[in-house]
Amino acid sequence: MEKLFCLGVALGMVGGALLVANSYKARSLVKKSQAEIMQKVDEMMDERLKMMEGGDEEKKTATKKK
């Protein structure tokens, strides 16, 4: 059962790759989606970096007060 599922997934990926390779609309849709995902990931990373920097500053001021 698992082998059949894996075979279906592999064939689906190959079929999708062929579809995207031969269709301009599909290719542009994939590129647009990749750009949107990368933008969201960049925003999330910026937020996490700001949170980490804020936490470090709080620790530094707490140790200076002691």
N, C-alpha and C. Protein backbone atom coordinates (compact mmCIF):
# COMPACT_ATOMS: atom_id res chain seq x y z
N MET A 1 0.83 -1.19 0.00
CA MET A 1 0.00 0.00 0.00
C MET A 1 0.87 1.26 0.00
N GLU A 2 1.91 1.25 0.85
CA GLU A 2 2.79 2.42 0.92
C GLU A 2 3.57 2.60 -0.38
N LYS A 3 3.98 1.48 -0.98
CA LYS A 3 4.72 1.57 -2.24
C LYS A 3 3.85 2.17 -3.34
N LEU A 4 2.59 1.80 -3.34
CA LEU A 4 1.67 2.32 -4.34
C LEU A 4 1.44 3.82 -4.14
N PHE A 5 1.34 4.22 -2.88
CA PHE A 5 1.17 5.65 -2.57
C PHE A 5 2.39 6.44 -3.01
N CYS A 6 3.58 5.93 -2.69
CA CYS A 6 4.82 6.61 -3.08
C CYS A 6 4.95 6.69 -4.60
N LEU A 7 4.55 5.63 -5.28
CA LEU A 7 4.58 5.64 -6.74
C LEU A 7 3.62 6.70 -7.29
N GLY A 8 2.45 6.81 -6.71
CA GLY A 8 1.48 7.83 -7.14
C GLY A 8 1.99 9.24 -6.90
N VAL A 9 2.63 9.45 -5.75
CA VAL A 9 3.19 10.77 -5.46
C VAL A 9 4.29 11.11 -6.46
N ALA A 10 5.16 10.14 -6.73
CA ALA A 10 6.25 10.38 -7.68
C ALA A 10 5.71 10.68 -9.08
N LEU A 11 4.72 9.91 -9.52
CA LEU A 11 4.13 10.18 -10.84
C LEU A 11 3.43 11.53 -10.88
N GLY A 12 2.81 11.90 -9.79
CA GLY A 12 2.16 13.21 -9.72
C GLY A 12 3.16 14.34 -9.81
N MET A 13 4.30 14.18 -9.15
CA MET A 13 5.34 15.22 -9.21
C MET A 13 5.91 15.34 -10.62
N VAL A 14 6.13 14.19 -11.25
CA VAL A 14 6.66 14.22 -12.63
C VAL A 14 5.64 14.86 -13.56
N GLY A 15 4.37 14.49 -13.42
CA GLY A 15 3.33 15.09 -14.25
C GLY A 15 3.22 16.59 -14.03
N GLY A 16 3.30 17.01 -12.78
CA GLY A 16 3.25 18.44 -12.47
C GLY A 16 4.43 19.18 -13.04
N ALA A 17 5.61 18.57 -12.96
CA ALA A 17 6.80 19.21 -13.52
C ALA A 17 6.69 19.35 -15.03
N LEU A 18 6.16 18.33 -15.68
CA LEU A 18 5.98 18.41 -17.13
C LEU A 18 4.97 19.49 -17.50
N LEU A 19 3.90 19.57 -16.73
CA LEU A 19 2.88 20.58 -16.99
C LEU A 19 3.46 21.98 -16.85
N VAL A 20 4.21 22.21 -15.78
CA VAL A 20 4.80 23.53 -15.55
C VAL A 20 5.84 23.84 -16.61
N ALA A 21 6.62 22.85 -17.01
CA ALA A 21 7.68 23.09 -18.00
C ALA A 21 7.10 23.45 -19.36
N ASN A 22 5.90 22.97 -19.67
CA ASN A 22 5.34 23.18 -21.00
C ASN A 22 4.26 24.26 -21.03
N SER A 23 3.95 24.88 -19.91
CA SER A 23 2.89 25.88 -19.88
C SER A 23 3.42 27.20 -19.31
N TYR A 24 3.32 28.25 -20.09
CA TYR A 24 3.79 29.56 -19.64
C TYR A 24 2.98 30.06 -18.46
N LYS A 25 1.68 29.89 -18.49
CA LYS A 25 0.82 30.37 -17.41
C LYS A 25 1.15 29.65 -16.11
N ALA A 26 1.31 28.35 -16.17
CA ALA A 26 1.63 27.58 -14.96
C ALA A 26 3.00 27.97 -14.43
N ARG A 27 3.97 28.17 -15.32
CA ARG A 27 5.31 28.55 -14.91
C ARG A 27 5.31 29.91 -14.23
N SER A 28 4.57 30.86 -14.78
CA SER A 28 4.51 32.19 -14.17
C SER A 28 3.78 32.15 -12.83
N LEU A 29 2.78 31.29 -12.72
CA LEU A 29 2.06 31.13 -11.45
C LEU A 29 2.99 30.56 -10.38
N VAL A 30 3.82 29.59 -10.74
CA VAL A 30 4.77 29.01 -9.79
C VAL A 30 5.78 30.05 -9.35
N LYS A 31 6.30 30.84 -10.29
CA LYS A 31 7.28 31.87 -9.94
C LYS A 31 6.66 32.92 -9.02
N LYS A 32 5.42 33.31 -9.30
CA LYS A 32 4.74 34.29 -8.47
C LYS A 32 4.53 33.75 -7.06
N SER A 33 4.12 32.51 -6.96
CA SER A 33 3.90 31.89 -5.65
C SER A 33 5.21 31.78 -4.88
N GLN A 34 6.29 31.43 -5.55
CA GLN A 34 7.58 31.35 -4.88
C GLN A 34 8.01 32.71 -4.35
N ALA A 35 7.79 33.75 -5.11
CA ALA A 35 8.16 35.09 -4.67
C ALA A 35 7.34 35.51 -3.45
N GLU A 36 6.05 35.19 -3.44
CA GLU A 36 5.21 35.53 -2.29
C GLU A 36 5.65 34.78 -1.04
N ILE A 37 5.99 33.51 -1.20
CA ILE A 37 6.43 32.71 -0.05
C ILE A 37 7.75 33.26 0.49
N MET A 38 8.67 33.59 -0.39
CA MET A 38 9.95 34.13 0.06
C MET A 38 9.77 35.45 0.79
N GLN A 39 8.84 36.29 0.33
CA GLN A 39 8.58 37.55 0.99
C GLN A 39 8.02 37.31 2.40
N LYS A 40 7.10 36.37 2.54
CA LYS A 40 6.54 36.06 3.85
C LYS A 40 7.59 35.49 4.79
N VAL A 41 8.46 34.64 4.27
CA VAL A 41 9.53 34.07 5.09
C VAL A 41 10.47 35.17 5.56
N ASP A 42 10.81 36.10 4.68
CA ASP A 42 11.67 37.22 5.06
C ASP A 42 11.04 38.06 6.16
N GLU A 43 9.74 38.31 6.05
CA GLU A 43 9.05 39.09 7.08
C GLU A 43 9.05 38.36 8.42
N MET A 44 8.81 37.05 8.38
CA MET A 44 8.82 36.27 9.62
C MET A 44 10.20 36.27 10.26
N MET A 45 11.24 36.15 9.45
CA MET A 45 12.60 36.15 9.98
C MET A 45 12.95 37.51 10.58
N ASP A 46 12.52 38.59 9.94
CA ASP A 46 12.76 39.92 10.48
C ASP A 46 12.09 40.09 11.84
N GLU A 47 10.86 39.60 11.96
CA GLU A 47 10.14 39.69 13.23
C GLU A 47 10.86 38.90 14.32
N ARG A 48 11.33 37.71 13.99
CA ARG A 48 12.02 36.89 14.98
C ARG A 48 13.34 37.53 15.40
N LEU A 49 14.05 38.12 14.44
CA LEU A 49 15.31 38.78 14.78
C LEU A 49 15.06 39.96 15.70
N LYS A 50 13.99 40.72 15.44
CA LYS A 50 13.66 41.84 16.31
C LYS A 50 13.32 41.36 17.71
N MET A 51 12.57 40.25 17.79
CA MET A 51 12.22 39.71 19.10
C MET A 51 13.46 39.25 19.85
N MET A 52 14.39 38.62 19.14
CA MET A 52 15.62 38.15 19.77
C MET A 52 16.48 39.31 20.24
N GLU A 53 16.56 40.36 19.44
CA GLU A 53 17.35 41.54 19.82
C GLU A 53 16.73 42.22 21.03
N GLY A 54 15.41 42.28 21.05
CA GLY A 54 14.72 42.89 22.19
C GLY A 54 14.95 42.09 23.46
N GLY A 55 14.97 40.79 23.38
CA GLY A 55 15.21 39.93 24.53
C GLY A 55 16.63 40.09 25.03
N ASP A 56 17.60 40.23 24.13
CA ASP A 56 18.98 40.41 24.52
C ASP A 56 19.17 41.74 25.25
N GLU A 57 18.52 42.78 24.79
CA GLU A 57 18.64 44.09 25.42
C GLU A 57 18.06 44.06 26.83
N GLU A 58 16.94 43.35 27.02
CA GLU A 58 16.34 43.25 28.34
C GLU A 58 17.27 42.52 29.30
N LYS A 59 17.93 41.48 28.83
CA LYS A 59 18.87 40.73 29.67
C LYS A 59 20.05 41.60 30.05
N LYS A 60 20.55 42.40 29.12
CA LYS A 60 21.70 43.26 29.39
C LYS A 60 21.36 44.31 30.44
N THR A 61 20.18 44.92 30.32
CA THR A 61 19.81 45.96 31.29
C THR A 61 19.53 45.33 32.66
N ALA A 62 19.02 44.12 32.71
CA ALA A 62 18.75 43.45 33.97
C ALA A 62 20.07 43.12 34.68
N THR A 63 21.09 42.72 33.96
CA THR A 63 22.37 42.40 34.59
C THR A 63 23.09 43.66 35.01
N LYS A 64 22.92 44.76 34.30
CA LYS A 64 23.56 46.02 34.69
C LYS A 64 22.95 46.58 35.97
N LYS A 65 21.66 46.37 36.18
CA LYS A 65 20.99 46.88 37.38
C LYS A 65 21.47 46.18 38.62
N LYS A 66 21.89 44.92 38.50
CA LYS A 66 22.36 44.15 39.65
C LYS A 66 23.69 44.65 40.06
